[in-house]
Amino acid sequence: MSKILWRVILLLVLSAAVGCTHVLPPEARREVDPYLDLRTVREAVAEHEGSTLLVGGLIVDHAVTREGSRLEILSYTLDRWGRPLRADEQAGRFLAQTERVLDPALYEKGRQVTLTGVVAGEAALPLGEKTYRYPLLRLRAIYLWPRQEAWPDPWLHRPYGHPYYPYHPFNYPYHPYPFGWRYPWW
């Protein structure tokens, strides 16, 4: 009995360890500078050229050019597995350039990505009526997160929007009876 228990525990620990890994492979993250972030690079791009960053965010624009694909990404903070959590206002936006063509139908506006890239300078492009200075990253590895479908609201699929319809008088529809709300026991 003891050997079976130890095997089950070992199996659970191994399955938990496998399920909690980063989305990018270790080879892609090996050269990443863990102490360097996009905010620091934005302040002095020339100083950090050649450094590798681990960044992520929301695709704002995708352009396919003769040189390949260029993604404009709104920077997000990442969790420890690389998932974009929320917009990082101080880091702003950045460009990720690659020689290969990324399919615009997949890498479309509104999708989240996590990537590693080498700082390759700065690019000035129009953003609205102003010129915005983007840090430019040469793309090394990229992970496109699956679309997040909204969870259906369980309250909406029940009669009158409440799971305890027969027992909850305040979710009955209003009827023009003398007492306002119509209860089933009246």
N, C-alpha and C. Protein backbone atom coordinates (compact mmCIF):
# COMPACT_ATOMS: atom_id res chain seq x y z
N MET A 1 0.83 -1.20 0.00
CA MET A 1 0.00 0.00 0.00
C MET A 1 0.86 1.25 0.00
N SER A 2 1.96 1.19 0.71
CA SER A 2 2.83 2.35 0.80
C SER A 2 3.48 2.67 -0.54
N LYS A 3 3.89 1.63 -1.30
CA LYS A 3 4.51 1.87 -2.60
C LYS A 3 3.53 2.49 -3.57
N ILE A 4 2.29 2.09 -3.53
CA ILE A 4 1.27 2.65 -4.41
C ILE A 4 1.03 4.11 -4.08
N LEU A 5 0.99 4.43 -2.80
CA LEU A 5 0.79 5.81 -2.37
C LEU A 5 1.95 6.69 -2.83
N TRP A 6 3.17 6.23 -2.71
CA TRP A 6 4.33 7.00 -3.14
C TRP A 6 4.32 7.18 -4.66
N ARG A 7 3.89 6.20 -5.40
CA ARG A 7 3.82 6.32 -6.85
C ARG A 7 2.76 7.34 -7.27
N VAL A 8 1.64 7.32 -6.58
CA VAL A 8 0.59 8.30 -6.87
C VAL A 8 1.08 9.71 -6.57
N ILE A 9 1.74 9.90 -5.45
CA ILE A 9 2.26 11.22 -5.08
C ILE A 9 3.30 11.68 -6.10
N LEU A 10 4.19 10.78 -6.50
CA LEU A 10 5.19 11.12 -7.50
C LEU A 10 4.55 11.50 -8.83
N LEU A 11 3.54 10.76 -9.22
CA LEU A 11 2.83 11.06 -10.45
C LEU A 11 2.15 12.43 -10.39
N LEU A 12 1.54 12.76 -9.26
CA LEU A 12 0.90 14.07 -9.10
C LEU A 12 1.92 15.20 -9.15
N VAL A 13 3.05 15.03 -8.50
CA VAL A 13 4.10 16.06 -8.50
C VAL A 13 4.64 16.27 -9.91
N LEU A 14 4.89 15.19 -10.62
CA LEU A 14 5.41 15.31 -11.99
C LEU A 14 4.39 15.95 -12.92
N SER A 15 3.13 15.60 -12.79
CA SER A 15 2.11 16.20 -13.66
C SER A 15 1.94 17.69 -13.33
N ALA A 16 2.07 18.06 -12.07
CA ALA A 16 1.99 19.48 -11.70
C ALA A 16 3.19 20.25 -12.24
N ALA A 17 4.36 19.63 -12.21
CA ALA A 17 5.56 20.30 -12.71
C ALA A 17 5.50 20.48 -14.22
N VAL A 18 4.97 19.54 -14.94
CA VAL A 18 4.86 19.64 -16.39
C VAL A 18 3.82 20.69 -16.77
N GLY A 19 2.75 20.78 -16.04
CA GLY A 19 1.69 21.74 -16.34
C GLY A 19 2.04 23.17 -16.01
N CYS A 20 3.09 23.40 -15.27
CA CYS A 20 3.45 24.74 -14.82
C CYS A 20 4.76 25.20 -15.47
N THR A 21 4.90 25.03 -16.77
CA THR A 21 6.11 25.45 -17.45
C THR A 21 5.84 26.70 -18.27
N HIS A 22 6.90 27.35 -18.64
CA HIS A 22 6.82 28.56 -19.45
C HIS A 22 6.41 28.18 -20.88
N VAL A 23 5.75 29.10 -21.58
CA VAL A 23 5.25 28.80 -22.92
C VAL A 23 6.35 28.79 -23.97
N LEU A 24 7.42 29.53 -23.74
CA LEU A 24 8.53 29.55 -24.68
C LEU A 24 9.55 28.49 -24.30
N PRO A 25 10.17 27.86 -25.25
CA PRO A 25 11.14 26.81 -24.93
C PRO A 25 12.38 27.37 -24.22
N PRO A 26 13.08 26.53 -23.47
CA PRO A 26 14.27 26.99 -22.74
C PRO A 26 15.35 27.57 -23.65
N GLU A 27 15.48 27.05 -24.88
CA GLU A 27 16.49 27.59 -25.80
C GLU A 27 16.22 29.06 -26.11
N ALA A 28 14.95 29.42 -26.22
CA ALA A 28 14.58 30.80 -26.54
C ALA A 28 14.81 31.72 -25.35
N ARG A 29 14.66 31.20 -24.15
CA ARG A 29 14.80 32.03 -22.95
C ARG A 29 16.21 32.05 -22.39
N ARG A 30 17.10 31.24 -22.94
CA ARG A 30 18.45 31.11 -22.39
C ARG A 30 19.23 32.42 -22.44
N GLU A 31 19.08 33.21 -23.51
CA GLU A 31 19.85 34.44 -23.67
C GLU A 31 19.15 35.67 -23.11
N VAL A 32 17.95 35.51 -22.56
CA VAL A 32 17.19 36.65 -22.04
C VAL A 32 17.87 37.22 -20.81
N ASP A 33 17.97 38.55 -20.78
CA ASP A 33 18.51 39.24 -19.60
C ASP A 33 17.36 39.42 -18.61
N PRO A 34 17.39 38.70 -17.47
CA PRO A 34 16.25 38.76 -16.54
C PRO A 34 16.11 40.10 -15.81
N TYR A 35 17.15 40.91 -15.82
CA TYR A 35 17.11 42.18 -15.10
C TYR A 35 16.80 43.36 -16.00
N LEU A 36 16.54 43.11 -17.25
CA LEU A 36 16.27 44.17 -18.21
C LEU A 36 14.81 44.10 -18.64
N ASP A 37 14.13 45.23 -18.58
CA ASP A 37 12.74 45.28 -19.03
C ASP A 37 12.58 46.35 -20.11
N LEU A 38 11.41 46.40 -20.70
CA LEU A 38 11.16 47.29 -21.82
C LEU A 38 11.19 48.76 -21.39
N ARG A 39 10.81 49.08 -20.17
CA ARG A 39 10.87 50.46 -19.69
C ARG A 39 12.29 50.98 -19.71
N THR A 40 13.21 50.17 -19.23
CA THR A 40 14.62 50.56 -19.19
C THR A 40 15.16 50.71 -20.60
N VAL A 41 14.80 49.81 -21.49
CA VAL A 41 15.25 49.88 -22.88
C VAL A 41 14.71 51.12 -23.55
N ARG A 42 13.44 51.48 -23.29
CA ARG A 42 12.84 52.65 -23.90
C ARG A 42 13.61 53.92 -23.56
N GLU A 43 14.13 54.00 -22.35
CA GLU A 43 14.85 55.21 -21.92
C GLU A 43 16.18 55.36 -22.65
N ALA A 44 16.87 54.26 -22.95
CA ALA A 44 18.17 54.32 -23.62
C ALA A 44 18.29 53.13 -24.58
N VAL A 45 17.70 53.25 -25.75
CA VAL A 45 17.67 52.14 -26.69
C VAL A 45 19.08 51.82 -27.20
N ALA A 46 19.84 52.83 -27.54
CA ALA A 46 21.18 52.61 -28.10
C ALA A 46 22.10 51.89 -27.11
N GLU A 47 21.91 52.16 -25.86
CA GLU A 47 22.73 51.54 -24.80
C GLU A 47 22.47 50.03 -24.69
N HIS A 48 21.26 49.59 -25.02
CA HIS A 48 20.86 48.20 -24.81
C HIS A 48 20.77 47.40 -26.11
N GLU A 49 21.28 47.93 -27.22
CA GLU A 49 21.22 47.20 -28.48
C GLU A 49 21.98 45.88 -28.35
N GLY A 50 21.37 44.83 -28.86
CA GLY A 50 21.97 43.50 -28.78
C GLY A 50 21.50 42.69 -27.58
N SER A 51 20.81 43.33 -26.63
CA SER A 51 20.27 42.62 -25.47
C SER A 51 19.01 41.87 -25.87
N THR A 52 18.77 40.74 -25.24
CA THR A 52 17.57 39.94 -25.52
C THR A 52 16.56 40.16 -24.42
N LEU A 53 15.32 40.42 -24.81
CA LEU A 53 14.23 40.67 -23.87
C LEU A 53 13.16 39.60 -23.98
N LEU A 54 12.48 39.36 -22.87
CA LEU A 54 11.27 38.54 -22.84
C LEU A 54 10.12 39.51 -22.59
N VAL A 55 9.26 39.67 -23.58
CA VAL A 55 8.16 40.63 -23.50
C VAL A 55 6.89 39.99 -24.03
N GLY A 56 5.80 40.67 -23.82
CA GLY A 56 4.52 40.19 -24.32
C GLY A 56 3.51 41.30 -24.32
N GLY A 57 2.39 41.04 -24.94
CA GLY A 57 1.34 42.04 -24.95
C GLY A 57 0.26 41.74 -25.96
N LEU A 58 -0.40 42.80 -26.37
CA LEU A 58 -1.56 42.75 -27.24
C LEU A 58 -1.17 43.28 -28.61
N ILE A 59 -1.45 42.53 -29.66
CA ILE A 59 -1.14 42.99 -31.01
C ILE A 59 -2.09 44.13 -31.37
N VAL A 60 -1.50 45.27 -31.73
CA VAL A 60 -2.27 46.45 -32.09
C VAL A 60 -2.32 46.60 -33.61
N ASP A 61 -1.23 46.21 -34.29
CA ASP A 61 -1.19 46.32 -35.73
C ASP A 61 -0.24 45.26 -36.28
N HIS A 62 -0.50 44.83 -37.50
CA HIS A 62 0.35 43.84 -38.17
C HIS A 62 0.56 44.32 -39.60
N ALA A 63 1.82 44.52 -39.96
CA ALA A 63 2.14 44.94 -41.32
C ALA A 63 3.05 43.90 -41.96
N VAL A 64 2.73 43.52 -43.19
CA VAL A 64 3.58 42.62 -43.97
C VAL A 64 4.30 43.48 -45.00
N THR A 65 5.63 43.47 -44.93
CA THR A 65 6.45 44.28 -45.82
C THR A 65 7.35 43.36 -46.64
N ARG A 66 8.21 43.97 -47.48
CA ARG A 66 9.16 43.19 -48.27
C ARG A 66 10.16 42.48 -47.37
N GLU A 67 10.46 43.08 -46.23
CA GLU A 67 11.44 42.51 -45.30
C GLU A 67 10.85 41.40 -44.44
N GLY A 68 9.54 41.25 -44.41
CA GLY A 68 8.89 40.24 -43.58
C GLY A 68 7.68 40.82 -42.88
N SER A 69 7.47 40.43 -41.64
CA SER A 69 6.33 40.92 -40.85
C SER A 69 6.80 41.84 -39.74
N ARG A 70 5.96 42.81 -39.45
CA ARG A 70 6.23 43.72 -38.34
C ARG A 70 4.96 43.82 -37.49
N LEU A 71 5.10 43.47 -36.22
CA LEU A 71 3.98 43.55 -35.28
C LEU A 71 4.15 44.77 -34.40
N GLU A 72 3.10 45.54 -34.25
CA GLU A 72 3.07 46.62 -33.26
C GLU A 72 2.34 46.05 -32.05
N ILE A 73 3.00 46.07 -30.90
CA ILE A 73 2.47 45.40 -29.72
C ILE A 73 2.40 46.37 -28.55
N LEU A 74 1.26 46.39 -27.88
CA LEU A 74 1.09 47.14 -26.64
C LEU A 74 1.62 46.26 -25.52
N SER A 75 2.62 46.75 -24.81
CA SER A 75 3.30 45.94 -23.81
C SER A 75 2.41 45.64 -22.61
N TYR A 76 2.46 44.39 -22.16
CA TYR A 76 1.74 43.93 -20.98
C TYR A 76 2.75 43.38 -19.98
N THR A 77 2.40 43.40 -18.71
CA THR A 77 3.20 42.68 -17.73
C THR A 77 2.90 41.20 -17.88
N LEU A 78 3.90 40.37 -17.60
CA LEU A 78 3.75 38.93 -17.77
C LEU A 78 3.74 38.23 -16.43
N ASP A 79 3.02 37.11 -16.35
CA ASP A 79 3.12 36.29 -15.15
C ASP A 79 4.33 35.37 -15.30
N ARG A 80 4.56 34.50 -14.35
CA ARG A 80 5.79 33.71 -14.39
C ARG A 80 5.80 32.66 -15.49
N TRP A 81 4.67 32.38 -16.09
CA TRP A 81 4.60 31.44 -17.21
C TRP A 81 4.62 32.16 -18.56
N GLY A 82 4.67 33.49 -18.52
CA GLY A 82 4.73 34.25 -19.76
C GLY A 82 3.39 34.76 -20.26
N ARG A 83 2.32 34.56 -19.52
CA ARG A 83 0.99 35.01 -19.95
C ARG A 83 0.85 36.52 -19.73
N PRO A 84 0.44 37.28 -20.75
CA PRO A 84 0.19 38.71 -20.56
C PRO A 84 -0.97 38.93 -19.60
N LEU A 85 -0.73 39.80 -18.60
CA LEU A 85 -1.75 40.04 -17.58
C LEU A 85 -2.52 41.34 -17.81
N ARG A 86 -1.79 42.47 -17.80
CA ARG A 86 -2.44 43.78 -17.95
C ARG A 86 -1.49 44.75 -18.64
N ALA A 87 -2.04 45.78 -19.22
CA ALA A 87 -1.24 46.76 -19.97
C ALA A 87 -0.24 47.45 -19.04
N ASP A 88 0.95 47.66 -19.56
CA ASP A 88 2.02 48.33 -18.83
C ASP A 88 2.22 49.71 -19.47
N GLU A 89 1.64 50.73 -18.84
CA GLU A 89 1.66 52.08 -19.42
C GLU A 89 3.06 52.65 -19.55
N GLN A 90 3.94 52.37 -18.59
CA GLN A 90 5.29 52.92 -18.64
C GLN A 90 6.09 52.32 -19.80
N ALA A 91 5.86 51.06 -20.13
CA ALA A 91 6.60 50.42 -21.21
C ALA A 91 6.04 50.84 -22.57
N GLY A 92 4.76 51.12 -22.66
CA GLY A 92 4.16 51.58 -23.90
C GLY A 92 4.09 50.51 -24.97
N ARG A 93 4.44 50.91 -26.19
CA ARG A 93 4.36 50.02 -27.35
C ARG A 93 5.75 49.70 -27.86
N PHE A 94 5.86 48.60 -28.60
CA PHE A 94 7.11 48.26 -29.25
C PHE A 94 6.83 47.54 -30.55
N LEU A 95 7.85 47.44 -31.39
CA LEU A 95 7.73 46.76 -32.67
C LEU A 95 8.53 45.47 -32.63
N ALA A 96 7.98 44.41 -33.17
CA ALA A 96 8.68 43.15 -33.31
C ALA A 96 8.78 42.85 -34.80
N GLN A 97 10.01 42.79 -35.30
CA GLN A 97 10.27 42.58 -36.73
C GLN A 97 10.84 41.19 -36.95
N THR A 98 10.39 40.51 -38.01
CA THR A 98 10.92 39.22 -38.38
C THR A 98 11.00 39.11 -39.90
N GLU A 99 11.95 38.28 -40.39
CA GLU A 99 12.11 38.09 -41.83
C GLU A 99 11.01 37.20 -42.41
N ARG A 100 10.48 36.30 -41.60
CA ARG A 100 9.44 35.42 -42.10
C ARG A 100 8.09 36.14 -42.07
N VAL A 101 7.17 35.65 -42.86
CA VAL A 101 5.85 36.26 -42.93
C VAL A 101 4.94 35.56 -41.94
N LEU A 102 4.45 36.32 -40.98
CA LEU A 102 3.48 35.80 -40.02
C LEU A 102 2.09 36.00 -40.61
N ASP A 103 1.28 34.98 -40.60
CA ASP A 103 -0.04 35.03 -41.22
C ASP A 103 -0.91 36.10 -40.53
N PRO A 104 -1.35 37.11 -41.29
CA PRO A 104 -2.18 38.17 -40.69
C PRO A 104 -3.52 37.67 -40.15
N ALA A 105 -4.00 36.53 -40.64
CA ALA A 105 -5.26 35.99 -40.12
C ALA A 105 -5.06 35.41 -38.73
N LEU A 106 -3.87 34.90 -38.43
CA LEU A 106 -3.58 34.37 -37.09
C LEU A 106 -3.10 35.47 -36.15
N TYR A 107 -2.12 36.24 -36.60
CA TYR A 107 -1.53 37.30 -35.78
C TYR A 107 -2.29 38.58 -36.04
N GLU A 108 -3.56 38.57 -35.70
CA GLU A 108 -4.43 39.70 -35.98
C GLU A 108 -4.53 40.62 -34.77
N LYS A 109 -5.09 41.77 -35.02
CA LYS A 109 -5.29 42.77 -33.97
C LYS A 109 -6.15 42.18 -32.85
N GLY A 110 -5.72 42.39 -31.60
CA GLY A 110 -6.47 41.92 -30.44
C GLY A 110 -5.98 40.60 -29.87
N ARG A 111 -5.01 39.93 -30.52
CA ARG A 111 -4.48 38.68 -30.00
C ARG A 111 -3.31 38.97 -29.06
N GLN A 112 -3.11 38.10 -28.08
CA GLN A 112 -2.00 38.24 -27.14
C GLN A 112 -0.84 37.36 -27.56
N VAL A 113 0.38 37.88 -27.37
CA VAL A 113 1.59 37.14 -27.71
C VAL A 113 2.61 37.28 -26.59
N THR A 114 3.49 36.29 -26.51
CA THR A 114 4.68 36.34 -25.66
C THR A 114 5.85 36.03 -26.58
N LEU A 115 6.93 36.81 -26.46
CA LEU A 115 8.03 36.64 -27.39
C LEU A 115 9.37 37.00 -26.76
N THR A 116 10.42 36.53 -27.40
CA THR A 116 11.77 36.98 -27.08
C THR A 116 12.28 37.69 -28.32
N GLY A 117 13.03 38.77 -28.09
CA GLY A 117 13.56 39.54 -29.21
C GLY A 117 14.82 40.27 -28.81
N VAL A 118 15.66 40.52 -29.79
CA VAL A 118 16.92 41.25 -29.59
C VAL A 118 16.68 42.71 -29.92
N VAL A 119 17.10 43.61 -29.05
CA VAL A 119 16.93 45.04 -29.27
C VAL A 119 17.78 45.43 -30.48
N ALA A 120 17.11 46.00 -31.49
CA ALA A 120 17.79 46.32 -32.75
C ALA A 120 17.67 47.79 -33.10
N GLY A 121 17.40 48.63 -32.15
CA GLY A 121 17.31 50.06 -32.42
C GLY A 121 15.95 50.62 -32.10
N GLU A 122 15.64 51.68 -32.84
CA GLU A 122 14.41 52.43 -32.59
C GLU A 122 13.80 52.81 -33.93
N ALA A 123 12.48 52.88 -33.98
CA ALA A 123 11.78 53.28 -35.20
C ALA A 123 10.74 54.33 -34.85
N ALA A 124 10.63 55.35 -35.69
CA ALA A 124 9.65 56.41 -35.48
C ALA A 124 8.55 56.25 -36.52
N LEU A 125 7.34 56.03 -36.04
CA LEU A 125 6.18 55.85 -36.92
C LEU A 125 5.04 56.73 -36.42
N PRO A 126 4.12 57.11 -37.32
CA PRO A 126 2.99 57.92 -36.87
C PRO A 126 2.03 57.11 -35.99
N LEU A 127 1.56 57.75 -34.94
CA LEU A 127 0.55 57.17 -34.06
C LEU A 127 -0.49 58.27 -33.85
N GLY A 128 -1.58 58.16 -34.56
CA GLY A 128 -2.56 59.25 -34.55
C GLY A 128 -1.96 60.44 -35.29
N GLU A 129 -1.91 61.59 -34.63
CA GLU A 129 -1.34 62.79 -35.24
C GLU A 129 0.09 63.05 -34.79
N LYS A 130 0.64 62.18 -33.99
CA LYS A 130 2.00 62.36 -33.49
C LYS A 130 2.93 61.31 -34.07
N THR A 131 4.21 61.53 -33.88
CA THR A 131 5.22 60.54 -34.24
C THR A 131 5.65 59.85 -32.95
N TYR A 132 5.53 58.55 -32.94
CA TYR A 132 5.83 57.75 -31.74
C TYR A 132 7.13 57.00 -31.97
N ARG A 133 8.01 57.00 -30.97
CA ARG A 133 9.29 56.31 -31.07
C ARG A 133 9.16 54.93 -30.42
N TYR A 134 9.26 53.90 -31.26
CA TYR A 134 9.11 52.51 -30.82
C TYR A 134 10.48 51.86 -30.64
N PRO A 135 10.67 51.11 -29.57
CA PRO A 135 11.84 50.22 -29.54
C PRO A 135 11.60 49.09 -30.56
N LEU A 136 12.63 48.76 -31.33
CA LEU A 136 12.51 47.74 -32.36
C LEU A 136 13.21 46.48 -31.89
N LEU A 137 12.49 45.36 -31.91
CA LEU A 137 13.06 44.07 -31.51
C LEU A 137 13.08 43.13 -32.71
N ARG A 138 14.19 42.44 -32.89
CA ARG A 138 14.27 41.38 -33.90
C ARG A 138 13.74 40.11 -33.26
N LEU A 139 12.69 39.58 -33.81
CA LEU A 139 11.97 38.45 -33.22
C LEU A 139 12.81 37.18 -33.23
N ARG A 140 12.91 36.52 -32.08
CA ARG A 140 13.59 35.23 -31.97
C ARG A 140 12.57 34.10 -31.85
N ALA A 141 11.71 34.16 -30.84
CA ALA A 141 10.68 33.13 -30.63
C ALA A 141 9.39 33.84 -30.24
N ILE A 142 8.29 33.26 -30.66
CA ILE A 142 6.99 33.88 -30.36
C ILE A 142 5.98 32.79 -30.03
N TYR A 143 5.08 33.12 -29.11
CA TYR A 143 3.97 32.23 -28.76
C TYR A 143 2.69 33.04 -28.88
N LEU A 144 1.78 32.55 -29.71
CA LEU A 144 0.48 33.18 -29.90
C LEU A 144 -0.51 32.52 -28.96
N TRP A 145 -1.07 33.30 -28.04
CA TRP A 145 -2.01 32.76 -27.07
C TRP A 145 -3.35 32.48 -27.75
N PRO A 146 -4.02 31.40 -27.34
CA PRO A 146 -5.34 31.13 -27.92
C PRO A 146 -6.34 32.22 -27.54
N ARG A 147 -7.31 32.39 -28.39
CA ARG A 147 -8.35 33.40 -28.10
C ARG A 147 -9.07 33.01 -26.82
N GLN A 148 -9.40 34.00 -26.02
CA GLN A 148 -10.16 33.74 -24.81
C GLN A 148 -11.63 33.99 -25.09
N GLU A 149 -12.37 32.93 -25.14
CA GLU A 149 -13.81 33.05 -25.32
C GLU A 149 -14.42 33.41 -23.98
N ALA A 150 -15.43 34.26 -24.01
CA ALA A 150 -16.09 34.65 -22.78
C ALA A 150 -16.86 33.45 -22.22
N TRP A 151 -16.73 33.25 -20.93
CA TRP A 151 -17.48 32.16 -20.29
C TRP A 151 -18.95 32.53 -20.32
N PRO A 152 -19.81 31.58 -20.65
CA PRO A 152 -21.24 31.91 -20.62
C PRO A 152 -21.69 32.17 -19.19
N ASP A 153 -22.53 33.14 -19.04
CA ASP A 153 -23.03 33.48 -17.72
C ASP A 153 -24.13 32.48 -17.34
N PRO A 154 -23.92 31.67 -16.29
CA PRO A 154 -24.93 30.67 -15.95
C PRO A 154 -26.25 31.29 -15.51
N TRP A 155 -26.23 32.54 -15.06
CA TRP A 155 -27.46 33.17 -14.60
C TRP A 155 -28.39 33.49 -15.76
N LEU A 156 -27.82 33.69 -16.95
CA LEU A 156 -28.65 34.10 -18.08
C LEU A 156 -29.43 32.96 -18.71
N HIS A 157 -29.05 31.73 -18.45
CA HIS A 157 -29.70 30.60 -19.09
C HIS A 157 -30.76 29.95 -18.20
N ARG A 158 -31.13 30.61 -17.18
CA ARG A 158 -32.16 30.09 -16.28
C ARG A 158 -33.39 30.98 -16.39
N PRO A 159 -34.54 30.51 -15.96
CA PRO A 159 -35.74 31.35 -16.06
C PRO A 159 -35.58 32.64 -15.27
N TYR A 160 -35.81 33.74 -15.91
CA TYR A 160 -35.75 35.07 -15.32
C TYR A 160 -34.38 35.39 -14.72
N GLY A 161 -33.35 34.75 -15.20
CA GLY A 161 -32.00 35.13 -14.82
C GLY A 161 -31.53 34.69 -13.46
N HIS A 162 -32.20 33.78 -12.81
CA HIS A 162 -31.76 33.37 -11.48
C HIS A 162 -31.89 31.85 -11.34
N PRO A 163 -30.88 31.19 -10.72
CA PRO A 163 -30.95 29.74 -10.63
C PRO A 163 -32.01 29.22 -9.67
N TYR A 164 -32.44 30.04 -8.73
CA TYR A 164 -33.42 29.60 -7.74
C TYR A 164 -34.76 30.27 -8.01
N TYR A 165 -35.15 30.25 -9.25
CA TYR A 165 -36.35 30.95 -9.70
C TYR A 165 -37.58 30.71 -8.85
N PRO A 166 -37.98 29.49 -8.56
CA PRO A 166 -39.24 29.33 -7.82
C PRO A 166 -39.15 29.83 -6.39
N TYR A 167 -37.97 29.97 -5.85
CA TYR A 167 -37.82 30.32 -4.44
C TYR A 167 -37.32 31.74 -4.23
N HIS A 168 -37.12 32.48 -5.31
CA HIS A 168 -36.59 33.83 -5.17
C HIS A 168 -37.59 34.82 -5.74
N PRO A 169 -38.38 35.47 -4.90
CA PRO A 169 -39.48 36.29 -5.40
C PRO A 169 -39.04 37.53 -6.15
N PHE A 170 -37.83 38.03 -5.94
CA PHE A 170 -37.43 39.30 -6.56
C PHE A 170 -36.99 39.15 -8.00
N ASN A 171 -36.94 37.95 -8.53
CA ASN A 171 -36.57 37.77 -9.93
C ASN A 171 -37.77 37.46 -10.81
N TYR A 172 -38.97 37.60 -10.28
CA TYR A 172 -40.15 37.39 -11.11
C TYR A 172 -40.39 38.64 -11.95
N PRO A 173 -40.94 38.45 -13.13
CA PRO A 173 -41.20 39.62 -13.96
C PRO A 173 -42.31 40.48 -13.36
N TYR A 174 -42.26 41.73 -13.64
CA TYR A 174 -43.27 42.66 -13.14
C TYR A 174 -44.56 42.47 -13.93
N HIS A 175 -45.65 42.34 -13.22
CA HIS A 175 -46.96 42.24 -13.85
C HIS A 175 -47.84 43.33 -13.25
N PRO A 176 -48.73 43.88 -14.04
CA PRO A 176 -49.57 44.97 -13.53
C PRO A 176 -50.71 44.47 -12.65
N TYR A 177 -50.37 43.79 -11.58
CA TYR A 177 -51.36 43.37 -10.61
C TYR A 177 -51.37 44.38 -9.46
N PRO A 178 -52.35 44.31 -8.60
CA PRO A 178 -52.44 45.32 -7.54
C PRO A 178 -51.21 45.37 -6.64
N PHE A 179 -50.52 44.27 -6.46
CA PHE A 179 -49.39 44.28 -5.53
C PHE A 179 -48.04 44.39 -6.24
N GLY A 180 -48.02 44.69 -7.51
CA GLY A 180 -46.76 44.89 -8.23
C GLY A 180 -46.15 43.59 -8.71
N TRP A 181 -45.53 42.87 -7.81
CA TRP A 181 -44.87 41.62 -8.19
C TRP A 181 -45.86 40.46 -8.07
N ARG A 182 -45.81 39.55 -8.97
CA ARG A 182 -46.73 38.42 -8.97
C ARG A 182 -46.00 37.20 -8.41
N TYR A 183 -46.42 36.72 -7.27
CA TYR A 183 -45.80 35.55 -6.65
C TYR A 183 -46.66 34.32 -6.95
N PRO A 184 -46.06 33.15 -7.10
CA PRO A 184 -46.83 31.98 -7.49
C PRO A 184 -47.82 31.53 -6.42
N TRP A 185 -47.61 31.92 -5.17
CA TRP A 185 -48.53 31.44 -4.13
C TRP A 185 -49.66 32.42 -3.86
N TRP A 186 -49.78 33.49 -4.65
CA TRP A 186 -50.89 34.42 -4.47
C TRP A 186 -52.04 34.06 -5.33
